[in-house]
Each structure stands twice: as C-alpha cells, then as structure tokens.
Amino acid sequence: MSIFICAPFDWRVHRRMELNGMDEKSAVTLVRQMDKQRKRYYEYYTNHSWGNPGNYDLCVNSTRLGIDRSAALLATHLRELSADKSSTQ
C-alpha cells in the first residue's frame, strides 16, 4: 500500500522547531532539504511525481487528526487490510 502523509509547510516547520529546539530559519532550511530528499528518492524509485495524490492508495493530512490519531488510524487500516488478505487466501 502506498501512503502519502502530508501537512502544511508552516505546521511542519513549527513541529521541527519544537522537536529539535531550532530557530525558524534553521527549521525552514531543514524542512526544505527533507522535502527535496524525499521527492528525489520517491521519483527515482517510482518514476512518478512525489506528492501527486493520484500516485498513492491513501493520502492523509496529519494536521486534521494530529500525529498520534493519524498513526492509529493508519495502523488500524493496515491491520484490517492484512486480515482481509489473510482470510481470502
């Protein structure tokens, strides 16, 4: 299953500032670098455009539910898919 987890840029910057104790300028630089690396990796291995919702089975905006609830939702969904697959084999 291909999942894309997104959040607005400003939210990701502030989250990085909290997690790493960084100033805003450093956090902006880091988030941009991480996005660039993720984009390059994804596009290299898939030959698809990173972030295009049509390229994923599921897209989740983690700011809607928060990180913990988003993770719980995804874990539950994946367990259910796995159980469904096991019962059909």
N, C-alpha and C. Protein backbone atom coordinates (compact mmCIF):
# COMPACT_ATOMS: atom_id res chain seq x y z
N MET A 1 0.85 -1.17 0.00
CA MET A 1 0.00 0.00 0.00
C MET A 1 0.89 1.23 0.00
N SER A 2 0.55 2.17 -0.83
CA SER A 2 1.30 3.41 -0.94
C SER A 2 0.54 4.52 -0.21
N ILE A 3 1.19 5.11 0.80
CA ILE A 3 0.54 6.13 1.64
C ILE A 3 1.36 7.41 1.58
N PHE A 4 0.66 8.54 1.43
CA PHE A 4 1.30 9.85 1.47
C PHE A 4 0.73 10.60 2.66
N ILE A 5 1.60 10.97 3.59
CA ILE A 5 1.20 11.73 4.77
C ILE A 5 1.71 13.15 4.58
N CYS A 6 0.79 14.10 4.63
CA CYS A 6 1.17 15.49 4.37
C CYS A 6 0.73 16.39 5.52
N ALA A 7 1.24 17.61 5.50
CA ALA A 7 0.86 18.67 6.43
C ALA A 7 1.33 19.98 5.81
N PRO A 8 0.66 21.07 6.11
CA PRO A 8 1.10 22.37 5.58
C PRO A 8 2.55 22.68 5.98
N PHE A 9 3.23 23.39 5.11
CA PHE A 9 4.65 23.70 5.32
C PHE A 9 4.88 24.39 6.67
N ASP A 10 4.09 25.41 6.98
CA ASP A 10 4.29 26.15 8.24
C ASP A 10 4.14 25.24 9.46
N TRP A 11 3.19 24.34 9.41
CA TRP A 11 2.98 23.40 10.52
C TRP A 11 4.20 22.51 10.69
N ARG A 12 4.74 22.02 9.56
CA ARG A 12 5.92 21.14 9.62
C ARG A 12 7.13 21.89 10.14
N VAL A 13 7.25 23.16 9.78
CA VAL A 13 8.36 23.98 10.29
C VAL A 13 8.25 24.14 11.81
N HIS A 14 7.07 24.48 12.29
CA HIS A 14 6.90 24.67 13.73
C HIS A 14 7.08 23.36 14.50
N ARG A 15 6.65 22.28 13.91
CA ARG A 15 6.85 20.96 14.54
C ARG A 15 8.35 20.66 14.65
N ARG A 16 9.10 20.93 13.59
CA ARG A 16 10.54 20.69 13.59
C ARG A 16 11.21 21.59 14.63
N MET A 17 10.74 22.84 14.77
CA MET A 17 11.30 23.74 15.78
C MET A 17 11.10 23.16 17.17
N GLU A 18 9.91 22.61 17.44
CA GLU A 18 9.62 22.02 18.74
C GLU A 18 10.46 20.77 18.99
N LEU A 19 10.53 19.89 18.00
CA LEU A 19 11.25 18.63 18.17
C LEU A 19 12.75 18.81 18.34
N ASN A 20 13.31 19.74 17.58
CA ASN A 20 14.77 19.88 17.56
C ASN A 20 15.27 21.12 18.30
N GLY A 21 14.37 21.91 18.85
CA GLY A 21 14.79 23.13 19.54
C GLY A 21 15.49 24.09 18.60
N MET A 22 14.99 24.20 17.37
CA MET A 22 15.63 25.02 16.34
C MET A 22 14.96 26.38 16.22
N ASP A 23 15.71 27.35 15.69
CA ASP A 23 15.09 28.62 15.34
C ASP A 23 14.34 28.42 14.01
N GLU A 24 13.49 29.36 13.67
CA GLU A 24 12.63 29.21 12.49
C GLU A 24 13.42 29.11 11.19
N LYS A 25 14.45 29.92 11.04
CA LYS A 25 15.24 29.90 9.81
C LYS A 25 15.88 28.53 9.58
N SER A 26 16.46 27.96 10.62
CA SER A 26 17.08 26.63 10.52
C SER A 26 16.04 25.56 10.23
N ALA A 27 14.87 25.68 10.85
CA ALA A 27 13.81 24.69 10.64
C ALA A 27 13.29 24.76 9.21
N VAL A 28 13.14 25.96 8.67
CA VAL A 28 12.70 26.11 7.28
C VAL A 28 13.69 25.44 6.34
N THR A 29 14.97 25.69 6.57
CA THR A 29 16.02 25.09 5.74
C THR A 29 15.96 23.57 5.82
N LEU A 30 15.83 23.04 7.03
CA LEU A 30 15.80 21.59 7.22
C LEU A 30 14.58 20.96 6.55
N VAL A 31 13.40 21.56 6.72
CA VAL A 31 12.19 21.01 6.12
C VAL A 31 12.31 21.03 4.59
N ARG A 32 12.85 22.09 4.04
CA ARG A 32 13.03 22.15 2.58
C ARG A 32 14.00 21.07 2.11
N GLN A 33 15.08 20.86 2.85
CA GLN A 33 16.05 19.81 2.50
C GLN A 33 15.40 18.43 2.56
N MET A 34 14.64 18.19 3.60
CA MET A 34 13.98 16.89 3.76
C MET A 34 12.98 16.66 2.62
N ASP A 35 12.22 17.70 2.27
CA ASP A 35 11.27 17.58 1.16
C ASP A 35 11.99 17.26 -0.14
N LYS A 36 13.08 17.92 -0.36
CA LYS A 36 13.86 17.70 -1.59
C LYS A 36 14.38 16.27 -1.65
N GLN A 37 14.90 15.77 -0.51
CA GLN A 37 15.41 14.40 -0.46
C GLN A 37 14.29 13.38 -0.67
N ARG A 38 13.15 13.60 -0.03
CA ARG A 38 12.02 12.68 -0.19
C ARG A 38 11.53 12.66 -1.63
N LYS A 39 11.44 13.84 -2.21
CA LYS A 39 10.99 13.96 -3.61
C LYS A 39 11.94 13.21 -4.54
N ARG A 40 13.22 13.45 -4.38
CA ARG A 40 14.22 12.80 -5.23
C ARG A 40 14.17 11.28 -5.08
N TYR A 41 14.09 10.80 -3.85
CA TYR A 41 14.04 9.36 -3.58
C TYR A 41 12.79 8.74 -4.21
N TYR A 42 11.64 9.34 -3.93
CA TYR A 42 10.37 8.80 -4.43
C TYR A 42 10.36 8.76 -5.96
N GLU A 43 10.75 9.86 -6.58
CA GLU A 43 10.71 9.94 -8.04
C GLU A 43 11.73 9.01 -8.69
N TYR A 44 12.86 8.81 -8.06
CA TYR A 44 13.87 7.90 -8.59
C TYR A 44 13.36 6.46 -8.62
N TYR A 45 12.75 6.04 -7.51
CA TYR A 45 12.33 4.64 -7.40
C TYR A 45 10.95 4.34 -7.99
N THR A 46 10.14 5.36 -8.24
CA THR A 46 8.79 5.09 -8.75
C THR A 46 8.53 5.64 -10.15
N ASN A 47 9.33 6.58 -10.58
CA ASN A 47 9.08 7.29 -11.84
C ASN A 47 7.73 7.99 -11.84
N HIS A 48 7.27 8.41 -10.65
CA HIS A 48 6.04 9.19 -10.50
C HIS A 48 6.37 10.49 -9.79
N SER A 49 5.44 11.44 -9.86
CA SER A 49 5.63 12.72 -9.19
C SER A 49 5.29 12.62 -7.71
N TRP A 50 6.24 13.00 -6.86
CA TRP A 50 6.05 12.98 -5.42
C TRP A 50 4.95 13.95 -5.04
N GLY A 51 4.05 13.52 -4.17
CA GLY A 51 3.00 14.39 -3.66
C GLY A 51 1.73 14.43 -4.49
N ASN A 52 1.74 13.83 -5.68
CA ASN A 52 0.55 13.80 -6.51
C ASN A 52 -0.40 12.75 -5.94
N PRO A 53 -1.58 13.15 -5.44
CA PRO A 53 -2.48 12.20 -4.77
C PRO A 53 -2.85 10.99 -5.63
N GLY A 54 -2.88 11.15 -6.94
CA GLY A 54 -3.21 10.04 -7.83
C GLY A 54 -2.19 8.91 -7.81
N ASN A 55 -1.02 9.16 -7.25
CA ASN A 55 0.03 8.15 -7.21
C ASN A 55 0.01 7.31 -5.93
N TYR A 56 -0.93 7.56 -5.06
CA TYR A 56 -0.96 6.89 -3.75
C TYR A 56 -2.31 6.20 -3.56
N ASP A 57 -2.29 5.13 -2.76
CA ASP A 57 -3.52 4.45 -2.40
C ASP A 57 -4.29 5.24 -1.35
N LEU A 58 -3.56 5.97 -0.52
CA LEU A 58 -4.18 6.71 0.57
C LEU A 58 -3.36 7.95 0.87
N CYS A 59 -4.03 9.09 1.04
CA CYS A 59 -3.37 10.34 1.43
C CYS A 59 -3.99 10.83 2.73
N VAL A 60 -3.14 11.23 3.67
CA VAL A 60 -3.61 11.68 4.97
C VAL A 60 -2.95 13.00 5.31
N ASN A 61 -3.78 13.98 5.70
CA ASN A 61 -3.26 15.25 6.21
C ASN A 61 -3.19 15.10 7.72
N SER A 62 -2.00 14.96 8.25
CA SER A 62 -1.83 14.67 9.68
C SER A 62 -2.23 15.84 10.59
N THR A 63 -2.43 17.03 10.04
CA THR A 63 -2.86 18.14 10.88
C THR A 63 -4.34 18.03 11.23
N ARG A 64 -5.09 17.29 10.46
CA ARG A 64 -6.53 17.14 10.72
C ARG A 64 -6.78 16.35 12.00
N LEU A 65 -6.11 15.23 12.16
CA LEU A 65 -6.32 14.35 13.30
C LEU A 65 -5.21 14.46 14.34
N GLY A 66 -4.10 15.02 13.95
CA GLY A 66 -2.92 15.02 14.81
C GLY A 66 -2.08 13.80 14.48
N ILE A 67 -0.86 13.80 14.92
CA ILE A 67 0.07 12.73 14.57
C ILE A 67 -0.34 11.40 15.18
N ASP A 68 -0.65 11.39 16.47
CA ASP A 68 -0.98 10.13 17.13
C ASP A 68 -2.25 9.50 16.56
N ARG A 69 -3.29 10.29 16.35
CA ARG A 69 -4.54 9.73 15.81
C ARG A 69 -4.36 9.32 14.36
N SER A 70 -3.56 10.05 13.60
CA SER A 70 -3.29 9.66 12.20
C SER A 70 -2.57 8.32 12.17
N ALA A 71 -1.57 8.17 13.03
CA ALA A 71 -0.81 6.91 13.09
C ALA A 71 -1.72 5.76 13.50
N ALA A 72 -2.59 5.99 14.49
CA ALA A 72 -3.52 4.95 14.94
C ALA A 72 -4.48 4.57 13.83
N LEU A 73 -5.00 5.55 13.12
CA LEU A 73 -5.91 5.29 12.00
C LEU A 73 -5.23 4.44 10.93
N LEU A 74 -4.02 4.80 10.57
CA LEU A 74 -3.28 4.05 9.55
C LEU A 74 -2.96 2.64 10.03
N ALA A 75 -2.55 2.49 11.27
CA ALA A 75 -2.24 1.16 11.80
C ALA A 75 -3.48 0.27 11.79
N THR A 76 -4.60 0.80 12.19
CA THR A 76 -5.86 0.03 12.19
C THR A 76 -6.23 -0.36 10.77
N HIS A 77 -6.14 0.59 9.87
CA HIS A 77 -6.49 0.32 8.47
C HIS A 77 -5.59 -0.77 7.87
N LEU A 78 -4.31 -0.69 8.11
CA LEU A 78 -3.38 -1.67 7.56
C LEU A 78 -3.58 -3.05 8.19
N ARG A 79 -3.88 -3.10 9.49
CA ARG A 79 -4.18 -4.38 10.12
C ARG A 79 -5.44 -5.00 9.50
N GLU A 80 -6.46 -4.18 9.25
CA GLU A 80 -7.69 -4.69 8.64
C GLU A 80 -7.43 -5.20 7.23
N LEU A 81 -6.63 -4.47 6.48
CA LEU A 81 -6.31 -4.93 5.12
C LEU A 81 -5.55 -6.25 5.16
N SER A 82 -4.62 -6.36 6.11
CA SER A 82 -3.84 -7.58 6.24
C SER A 82 -4.73 -8.76 6.63
N ALA A 83 -5.67 -8.52 7.54
CA ALA A 83 -6.60 -9.57 7.96
C ALA A 83 -7.50 -9.98 6.81
N ASP A 84 -7.98 -9.02 6.03
CA ASP A 84 -8.82 -9.31 4.87
C ASP A 84 -8.06 -10.16 3.86
N LYS A 85 -6.81 -9.81 3.63
CA LYS A 85 -5.98 -10.55 2.66
C LYS A 85 -5.75 -11.98 3.14
N SER A 86 -5.50 -12.14 4.45
CA SER A 86 -5.25 -13.47 5.01
C SER A 86 -6.49 -14.36 4.91
N SER A 87 -7.65 -13.79 5.09
CA SER A 87 -8.88 -14.59 5.08
C SER A 87 -9.29 -15.02 3.67
N THR A 88 -8.79 -14.34 2.65
CA THR A 88 -9.14 -14.69 1.27
C THR A 88 -8.15 -15.67 0.65
N GLN A 89 -7.09 -15.98 1.36
CA GLN A 89 -6.08 -16.90 0.80
C GLN A 89 -6.33 -18.32 1.19
